[in-house]
């Protein structure tokens, strides 16, 4: 087991020179630290892990995300990710090749394509709530937020065998949690399951779904390789599980701290789509990503040399007061909300429509079925926080029994 480094307090010097995205202290003081970074040094150079740059201002984050010719995903990021890594397509591919992979996926996650999934998604949400509502308490992450997105995706998007759903969802969920001891093993098991699954699908008749689209793809005039198929399906799986779970967990913490929010949404459910956008802005769990400079460039008044790496913080951009007035406030009356919770540029999340639908349905049922939601007294809320961020556990109490 790796030795645990002693806690390093977050000082101004730490923010300006020694920023460590894997720091437990950053996980605990996440948004206040990013706010200090935006104020003191919106583009800073850290000497950790061989050196990298950190961008925290909306304008700079957007520029790096959109300028793929200067800031590459394909060149590789050696800054540690805090957990097991595998090549995931098309995240690690730049345009124009990246667009070929992404077109395979995009058509299967439009609002029109996922519309028929709404009814079975709502049924799944209610089935999960049924499992704990009579107890008057639950660990919201364990009992709802983490199982929900995976069970829905494996069933509705991938048409995975019903007998596999619980097991493969466990693999995918654990693979998304870098602090969990079994994470690496579960990532390997997930990849093995995907390999067997796509081979079974090759032998079956077409279903017209995203799996068929990937299996039948041609990449620059050649058939897609098995590695590319597994990498693409793996992206589809991992891209939406812990990210959606993290937003749900943070939303529940916000509901507990501000009970007027669920009360308002219960009384005015037409506000739930706007609430989803504001929750994504404030508590989006896809917090940052890395890029590598293809050539010498400039960012925020600093010279970035060819080959140097930059971590851009979506979570910080989403609370930048230059873009969002009163940025730390949950405000359903914002005239515009150009958040980057799903990223930006060519690698913007292909599953954003699905994530929004899942969040909308989940919040709708939660606020109508759970009353007097409170954080369990004495609960110690801890977050895992690397490139994704989510509460590890959210123990809550509520009035026992369904409100339906």
Protein backbone atom coordinates (compact mmCIF):
# COMPACT_ATOMS: atom_id res chain seq x y z
CA UNK A 1 0.00 0.00 0.00
CA UNK A 2 1.31 3.44 -0.89
CA UNK A 3 2.40 5.64 2.01
CA UNK A 4 -0.03 8.40 2.88
CA UNK A 5 1.57 11.81 2.53
CA UNK A 6 1.15 14.19 5.47
CA UNK A 7 -1.56 16.82 5.14
CA UNK A 8 -0.35 20.00 3.46
CA UNK A 9 -2.35 23.11 4.33
CA UNK A 10 -3.74 25.12 1.43
CA UNK A 11 -1.90 28.42 1.50
CA UNK A 12 -1.59 31.13 -1.14
CA UNK A 13 1.81 29.71 -2.04
CA UNK A 14 0.26 26.23 -2.41
CA UNK A 15 -2.34 27.64 -4.80
CA UNK A 16 0.19 29.62 -6.83
CA UNK A 17 3.10 27.13 -6.96
CA UNK A 18 2.26 23.71 -5.55
CA UNK A 19 -1.35 23.06 -6.62
CA UNK A 20 -2.17 19.36 -6.26
CA UNK A 21 -5.44 18.18 -7.78
CA UNK A 22 -5.12 14.90 -5.86
CA UNK A 23 -4.81 16.57 -2.47
CA UNK A 24 -7.31 15.44 0.21
CA UNK A 25 -7.26 19.02 1.51
CA UNK A 26 -8.41 20.25 -1.91
CA UNK A 27 -11.23 17.70 -1.85
CA UNK A 28 -12.36 19.11 1.51
CA UNK A 29 -11.91 22.80 0.62
CA UNK A 30 -12.69 22.49 -3.06
CA UNK A 31 -14.79 25.49 -4.08
CA UNK A 32 -13.21 27.98 -1.65
CA UNK A 33 -9.77 26.99 -2.95
CA UNK A 34 -10.81 27.42 -6.57
CA UNK A 35 -12.30 30.81 -5.72
CA UNK A 36 -8.95 31.87 -4.23
CA UNK A 37 -7.19 30.61 -7.35
CA UNK A 38 -9.47 32.62 -9.64
CA UNK A 39 -8.80 35.72 -7.57
CA UNK A 40 -5.04 35.38 -7.04
CA UNK A 41 -3.71 33.52 -10.07
CA UNK A 42 -6.31 32.32 -12.60
CA UNK A 43 -3.49 30.66 -14.57
CA UNK A 44 -0.87 29.17 -12.25
CA UNK A 45 2.04 26.77 -12.62
CA UNK A 46 2.38 23.89 -10.18
CA UNK A 47 5.66 22.09 -9.53
CA UNK A 48 3.84 18.86 -8.62
CA UNK A 49 4.14 15.69 -10.76
CA UNK A 50 6.81 17.17 -12.99
CA UNK A 51 4.96 20.44 -13.44
CA UNK A 52 1.68 21.50 -15.02
CA UNK A 53 -0.51 24.56 -15.44
CA UNK A 54 -3.89 25.14 -13.81
CA UNK A 55 -6.59 27.33 -15.42
CA UNK A 56 -9.58 28.34 -13.30
CA UNK A 57 -11.21 31.33 -15.04
CA UNK A 58 -14.22 30.82 -17.35
CA UNK A 59 -12.62 32.65 -20.27
CA UNK A 60 -9.38 30.64 -20.13
CA UNK A 61 -11.09 27.29 -19.54
CA UNK A 62 -13.34 27.83 -22.54
CA UNK A 63 -10.44 28.88 -24.73
CA UNK A 64 -8.39 25.76 -23.91
CA UNK A 65 -11.38 23.43 -24.36
CA UNK A 66 -12.32 24.84 -27.75
CA UNK A 67 -8.80 25.25 -29.20
CA UNK A 68 -7.94 21.60 -29.85
CA UNK A 69 -5.33 22.57 -32.43
CA UNK A 70 -3.29 24.14 -29.63
CA UNK A 71 -4.33 22.05 -26.62
CA UNK A 72 -4.45 18.35 -27.44
CA UNK A 73 -6.22 15.41 -25.85
CA UNK A 74 -4.36 12.93 -28.05
CA UNK A 75 -0.82 13.68 -26.91
CA UNK A 76 -1.53 12.11 -23.55
CA UNK A 77 -1.72 13.43 -20.02
CA UNK A 78 0.95 12.20 -17.61
CA UNK A 79 -0.36 14.19 -14.64
CA UNK A 80 -1.74 11.45 -12.36
CA UNK A 81 -5.47 10.89 -12.57
CA UNK A 82 -5.69 9.42 -9.09
CA UNK A 83 -6.84 5.97 -10.15
CA UNK A 84 -6.65 3.24 -12.79
CA UNK A 85 -6.47 4.45 -16.37
CA UNK A 86 -7.20 2.86 -19.72
CA UNK A 87 -7.36 4.35 -23.20
CA UNK A 88 -10.91 5.61 -23.65
CA UNK A 89 -12.07 6.54 -27.14
CA UNK A 90 -12.81 9.24 -28.31
CA UNK A 91 -11.66 11.17 -25.22
CA UNK A 92 -8.01 10.51 -26.11
CA UNK A 93 -8.43 11.36 -29.81
CA UNK A 94 -8.35 14.83 -31.40
CA UNK A 95 -10.35 16.03 -34.41
CA UNK A 96 -10.74 15.31 -37.24
CA UNK A 97 -10.51 11.59 -36.30
CA UNK A 98 -12.36 12.27 -33.04
CA UNK A 99 -15.39 13.48 -35.00
CA UNK A 100 -15.68 10.12 -36.75
CA UNK A 101 -15.94 8.27 -33.45
CA UNK A 102 -18.28 10.85 -31.98
CA UNK A 103 -20.67 10.71 -34.95
CA UNK A 104 -21.11 7.00 -34.25
CA UNK A 105 -22.51 7.89 -30.85
CA UNK A 106 -24.25 11.25 -31.23
CA UNK A 107 -27.27 10.08 -33.22
CA UNK A 108 -28.22 7.62 -30.48
CA UNK A 109 -28.46 10.19 -27.68
CA UNK A 110 -30.57 12.93 -29.24
CA UNK A 111 -33.73 14.00 -27.36
CA UNK A 112 -35.82 12.15 -29.94
CA UNK A 113 -33.89 8.87 -29.52
CA UNK A 114 -33.93 8.87 -25.72
CA UNK A 115 -37.54 10.07 -25.42
CA UNK A 116 -38.94 6.50 -25.26
CA UNK A 117 -36.61 5.79 -22.33
CA UNK A 118 -38.43 8.25 -20.08
CA UNK A 119 -41.15 5.88 -18.88
CA UNK A 120 -38.84 2.95 -18.00
CA UNK A 121 -36.40 5.41 -16.39
CA UNK A 122 -39.16 6.75 -14.15
CA UNK A 123 -40.16 3.19 -13.27
CA UNK A 124 -36.56 2.41 -12.27
CA UNK A 125 -36.34 5.56 -10.15
CA UNK A 126 -39.52 4.60 -8.28
CA UNK A 127 -38.37 1.00 -7.85
CA UNK A 128 -35.16 2.22 -6.20
CA UNK A 129 -37.06 4.65 -3.97
CA UNK A 130 -39.48 1.84 -3.05
CA UNK A 131 -36.50 -0.07 -1.71
CA UNK A 132 -35.86 2.40 1.11
CA UNK A 133 -38.81 4.81 1.45
CA UNK A 134 -40.55 2.84 4.20
CA UNK A 135 -37.42 2.85 6.36
CA UNK A 136 -37.34 6.62 6.70
CA UNK A 137 -33.58 6.62 6.16
CA UNK A 138 -30.98 5.54 3.64
CA UNK A 139 -27.50 6.20 2.36
CA UNK A 140 -28.58 8.13 -0.70
CA UNK A 141 -25.39 7.40 -2.63
CA UNK A 142 -25.46 3.66 -1.99
CA UNK A 143 -29.20 3.15 -2.30
CA UNK A 144 -30.04 5.49 -5.16
CA UNK A 145 -27.50 7.84 -6.73
CA UNK A 146 -24.90 5.24 -7.69
CA UNK A 147 -27.07 2.31 -8.82
CA UNK A 148 -29.54 4.44 -10.80
CA UNK A 149 -27.57 5.77 -13.81
CA UNK A 150 -25.77 2.49 -14.48
CA UNK A 151 -28.83 0.27 -14.27
CA UNK A 152 -30.67 2.61 -16.62
CA UNK A 153 -27.81 2.83 -19.11
CA UNK A 154 -26.94 -0.86 -19.32
CA UNK A 155 -30.59 -1.73 -19.85
CA UNK A 156 -31.90 1.05 -22.10
CA UNK A 157 -28.85 2.14 -24.09
CA UNK A 158 -26.80 -1.05 -24.34
CA UNK A 159 -29.56 -3.67 -24.05
CA UNK A 160 -27.36 -5.70 -21.73
CA UNK A 161 -28.75 -9.07 -20.62
CA UNK A 162 -31.06 -8.65 -17.65
CA UNK A 163 -29.14 -11.26 -15.67
CA UNK A 164 -25.93 -9.19 -16.04
CA UNK A 165 -27.30 -5.81 -14.94
CA UNK A 166 -26.54 -5.91 -11.21
CA UNK A 167 -23.08 -7.44 -11.61
CA UNK A 168 -21.81 -5.23 -14.42
CA UNK A 169 -23.26 -2.13 -12.80
CA UNK A 170 -21.26 -2.99 -9.68
CA UNK A 171 -18.08 -3.26 -11.76
CA UNK A 172 -18.74 0.06 -13.47
CA UNK A 173 -19.63 1.85 -10.24
CA UNK A 174 -16.56 0.63 -8.37
CA UNK A 175 -14.33 1.38 -11.38
CA UNK A 176 -15.49 4.99 -11.13
CA UNK A 177 -14.32 5.33 -7.50
CA UNK A 178 -10.52 5.72 -7.45
CA UNK A 179 -10.32 5.64 -3.64
CA UNK A 180 -12.01 2.24 -3.41
CA UNK A 181 -9.59 -0.67 -3.07
CA UNK A 182 -11.36 -2.79 -5.68
CA UNK A 183 -11.46 0.00 -8.29
CA UNK A 184 -8.65 -1.29 -10.52
CA UNK A 185 -9.86 -4.88 -10.38
CA UNK A 186 -13.40 -3.81 -11.26
CA UNK A 187 -12.14 -1.73 -14.20
CA UNK A 188 -10.45 -4.85 -15.58
CA UNK A 189 -13.61 -6.89 -15.01
CA UNK A 190 -15.67 -4.21 -16.73
CA UNK A 191 -13.39 -4.27 -19.77
CA UNK A 192 -13.61 -8.09 -19.84
CA UNK A 193 -17.41 -7.91 -19.63
CA UNK A 194 -17.52 -5.38 -22.48
CA UNK A 195 -15.32 -7.65 -24.59
CA UNK A 196 -17.61 -10.62 -24.07
CA UNK A 197 -20.72 -8.49 -24.51
CA UNK A 198 -19.68 -7.08 -27.89
CA UNK A 199 -18.77 -10.55 -29.13
CA UNK A 200 -22.24 -11.80 -28.17
CA UNK A 201 -23.78 -8.83 -29.93
CA UNK A 202 -21.82 -9.59 -33.12
CA UNK A 203 -23.45 -13.00 -33.17
CA UNK A 204 -26.96 -11.62 -32.63
CA UNK A 205 -29.28 -9.83 -34.99
CA UNK A 206 -29.07 -6.02 -35.14
CA UNK A 207 -31.09 -3.92 -32.69
CA UNK A 208 -30.45 -0.55 -34.30
CA UNK A 209 -28.81 0.79 -31.14
CA UNK A 210 -25.49 2.46 -30.36
CA UNK A 211 -23.76 -0.92 -29.94
CA UNK A 212 -24.64 -1.88 -33.51
CA UNK A 213 -23.40 1.51 -34.70
CA UNK A 214 -20.03 0.99 -33.04
CA UNK A 215 -19.66 -2.61 -34.19
CA UNK A 216 -20.45 -1.73 -37.81
CA UNK A 217 -18.27 1.37 -37.94
CA UNK A 218 -15.54 2.11 -40.45
CA UNK A 219 -12.69 4.34 -39.32
CA UNK A 220 -10.90 6.07 -42.18
CA UNK A 221 -11.92 3.34 -44.61
CA UNK A 222 -11.12 0.32 -42.41
CA UNK A 223 -13.27 -1.72 -40.03
CA UNK A 224 -13.17 -0.59 -36.42
CA UNK A 225 -10.82 -2.69 -34.29
CA UNK A 226 -11.85 -4.71 -31.26
CA UNK A 227 -9.78 -2.40 -29.01
CA UNK A 228 -11.57 0.63 -30.44
CA UNK A 229 -14.96 -0.99 -29.90
CA UNK A 230 -14.17 -1.77 -26.25
CA UNK A 231 -12.73 1.71 -25.68
CA UNK A 232 -15.77 3.41 -27.18
CA UNK A 233 -18.27 1.33 -25.22
CA UNK A 234 -16.22 1.87 -22.07
CA UNK A 235 -16.46 5.63 -22.58
CA UNK A 236 -20.23 5.33 -22.95
CA UNK A 237 -20.41 3.40 -19.69
CA UNK A 238 -17.99 5.35 -17.49
CA UNK A 239 -18.82 8.79 -18.88
CA UNK A 240 -22.24 8.99 -17.27
CA UNK A 241 -22.23 6.91 -14.08
CA UNK A 242 -20.26 8.63 -11.34
CA UNK A 243 -20.81 12.02 -12.95
CA UNK A 244 -24.60 11.68 -12.69
CA UNK A 245 -24.32 10.09 -9.25
CA UNK A 246 -22.15 12.98 -8.06
CA UNK A 247 -24.65 15.62 -9.16
CA UNK A 248 -27.47 13.72 -7.43
CA UNK A 249 -25.46 13.39 -4.22
CA UNK A 250 -24.52 17.07 -4.18
CA UNK A 251 -28.14 17.99 -4.93
CA UNK A 252 -29.30 15.98 -1.93
CA UNK A 253 -26.77 17.76 0.29
CA UNK A 254 -28.09 21.08 -1.00
CA UNK A 255 -31.69 19.98 -0.37
CA UNK A 256 -30.82 19.06 3.22
CA UNK A 257 -29.12 22.40 3.82
CA UNK A 258 -31.84 24.38 2.03
CA UNK A 259 -35.21 22.63 2.49
CA UNK A 260 -36.97 25.49 0.73
CA UNK A 261 -35.52 24.20 -2.57
CA UNK A 262 -37.26 20.78 -2.61
CA UNK A 263 -40.40 22.45 -1.23
CA UNK A 264 -40.39 24.90 -4.15
CA UNK A 265 -39.79 22.16 -6.71
CA UNK A 266 -42.57 20.07 -5.21
CA UNK A 267 -44.97 22.99 -5.48
CA UNK A 268 -43.76 24.07 -8.92
CA UNK A 269 -42.42 21.02 -10.80
CA UNK A 270 -42.16 23.09 -14.00
CA UNK A 271 -39.04 24.63 -12.41
CA UNK A 272 -37.22 21.29 -12.21
CA UNK A 273 -35.47 21.61 -15.62
CA UNK A 274 -34.06 25.00 -14.56
CA UNK A 275 -33.08 23.50 -11.21
CA UNK A 276 -31.18 20.76 -13.04
CA UNK A 277 -29.15 23.38 -14.93
CA UNK A 278 -28.36 25.34 -11.77
CA UNK A 279 -27.38 22.18 -9.90
CA UNK A 280 -25.13 21.19 -12.78
CA UNK A 281 -23.51 24.62 -12.71
CA UNK A 282 -22.96 24.72 -8.96
CA UNK A 283 -22.20 21.07 -8.28
CA UNK A 284 -21.28 19.43 -11.57
CA UNK A 285 -19.13 16.42 -10.78
CA UNK A 286 -17.01 16.50 -13.96
CA UNK A 287 -14.68 19.04 -12.40
CA UNK A 288 -11.58 19.19 -14.58
CA UNK A 289 -9.66 17.67 -17.45
CA UNK A 290 -6.13 17.77 -18.83
CA UNK A 291 -4.73 18.97 -22.13
CA UNK A 292 -1.19 19.11 -23.60
CA UNK A 293 0.15 22.07 -25.60
CA UNK A 294 0.98 21.16 -29.20
CA UNK A 295 3.17 24.23 -29.60
CA UNK A 296 4.28 27.30 -27.67
CA UNK A 297 1.32 29.52 -26.83
CA UNK A 298 0.01 32.05 -24.33
CA UNK A 299 -2.70 31.68 -21.75
CA UNK A 300 -3.78 34.33 -19.26
CA UNK A 301 -0.57 36.28 -19.75
CA UNK A 302 1.66 33.23 -19.25
CA UNK A 303 3.82 31.47 -21.82
CA UNK A 304 2.88 27.80 -22.20
CA UNK A 305 5.63 25.77 -23.86
CA UNK A 306 5.13 22.93 -26.31
CA UNK A 307 4.58 19.68 -24.41
CA UNK A 308 3.48 21.33 -21.18
CA UNK A 309 0.24 20.18 -19.62
CA UNK A 310 -2.75 22.22 -18.52
CA UNK A 311 -5.57 21.19 -16.20
CA UNK A 312 -8.73 23.21 -16.83
CA UNK A 313 -11.31 23.41 -14.07
CA UNK A 314 -14.90 23.28 -15.30
CA UNK A 315 -16.06 23.53 -11.69
CA UNK A 316 -14.19 26.79 -11.23
CA UNK A 317 -15.37 28.26 -14.53
CA UNK A 318 -18.96 27.55 -13.47
CA UNK A 319 -18.53 29.79 -10.41
CA UNK A 320 -16.67 32.62 -12.12
CA UNK A 321 -18.38 35.88 -11.23
CA UNK A 322 -17.35 37.39 -14.55
CA UNK A 323 -19.77 34.99 -16.27
CA UNK A 324 -22.30 34.25 -13.50
CA UNK A 325 -23.45 37.11 -11.25
CA UNK A 326 -23.63 36.04 -7.61
CA UNK A 327 -22.01 32.77 -8.69
CA UNK A 328 -22.32 30.75 -5.47
CA UNK A 329 -26.08 31.27 -5.17
CA UNK A 330 -28.68 28.76 -6.36
CA UNK A 331 -30.74 31.05 -8.60
CA UNK A 332 -33.58 29.79 -10.79
CA UNK A 333 -34.05 33.23 -12.36
CA UNK A 334 -30.72 33.47 -14.17
CA UNK A 335 -31.34 35.00 -17.61
CA UNK A 336 -28.53 32.88 -19.07
CA UNK A 337 -26.71 29.84 -17.77
CA UNK A 338 -23.85 28.97 -20.11
CA UNK A 339 -22.32 26.47 -17.71
CA UNK A 340 -19.64 24.02 -18.80
CA UNK A 341 -20.66 21.12 -16.57
CA UNK A 342 -20.62 18.88 -19.67
CA UNK A 343 -17.37 20.34 -20.95
CA UNK A 344 -16.99 22.42 -24.08
CA UNK A 345 -15.51 22.18 -27.53
CA UNK A 346 -15.26 18.99 -29.59
CA UNK A 347 -15.12 16.76 -26.52
CA UNK A 348 -18.30 18.12 -24.96
CA UNK A 349 -20.21 15.24 -23.34
CA UNK A 350 -22.25 13.29 -25.87
CA UNK A 351 -24.56 12.08 -23.12
CA UNK A 352 -25.71 15.49 -21.93
CA UNK A 353 -29.30 14.95 -23.10
CA UNK A 354 -29.47 11.63 -21.28
CA UNK A 355 -27.92 13.06 -18.11
CA UNK A 356 -30.42 15.92 -18.08
CA UNK A 357 -33.32 13.52 -18.52
CA UNK A 358 -32.08 11.24 -15.74
CA UNK A 359 -31.56 14.16 -13.37
CA UNK A 360 -34.93 15.69 -14.19
CA UNK A 361 -36.84 12.46 -13.59
CA UNK A 362 -34.88 11.60 -10.44
CA UNK A 363 -35.38 15.03 -8.87
CA UNK A 364 -39.08 15.02 -9.79
CA UNK A 365 -39.71 11.73 -8.00
CA UNK A 366 -37.42 12.52 -5.06
CA UNK A 367 -39.07 15.83 -4.15
CA UNK A 368 -42.54 14.31 -4.48
CA UNK A 369 -41.86 11.08 -2.59
CA UNK A 370 -39.45 12.13 0.17
CA UNK A 371 -40.55 14.68 2.76
CA UNK A 372 -38.64 16.42 5.54
CA UNK A 373 -35.27 15.33 4.13
CA UNK A 374 -32.44 15.83 6.61
CA UNK A 375 -28.81 14.88 6.82
CA UNK A 376 -28.36 12.23 9.49
CA UNK A 377 -27.05 13.89 12.69
CA UNK A 378 -23.30 13.54 13.03
CA UNK A 379 -22.82 12.55 9.38
CA UNK A 380 -19.29 13.22 8.15
CA UNK A 381 -19.49 14.03 4.43
CA UNK A 382 -16.36 13.26 2.47
CA UNK A 383 -15.74 13.64 -1.25
CA UNK A 384 -13.54 11.81 -3.68
CA UNK A 385 -12.17 14.47 -5.98
CA UNK A 386 -9.78 14.10 -8.88
CA UNK A 387 -11.10 14.71 -12.38
CA UNK A 388 -14.55 13.74 -11.10
CA UNK A 389 -16.00 14.72 -7.74
CA UNK A 390 -18.78 13.10 -5.74
CA UNK A 391 -19.72 12.54 -2.09
CA UNK A 392 -18.75 9.09 -0.91
CA UNK A 393 -21.80 8.77 1.31
CA UNK A 394 -24.91 10.89 1.98
CA UNK A 395 -26.85 9.39 4.93
CA UNK A 396 -30.29 11.00 5.14
CA UNK A 397 -33.52 10.69 7.09
CA UNK A 398 -37.03 11.56 5.93
CA UNK A 399 -40.65 10.86 6.73
CA UNK A 400 -41.18 7.13 6.31
CA UNK A 401 -43.65 6.07 3.63
CA UNK A 402 -44.38 7.08 0.08
CA UNK A 403 -46.05 10.40 -0.73
CA UNK A 404 -47.60 9.07 -3.94
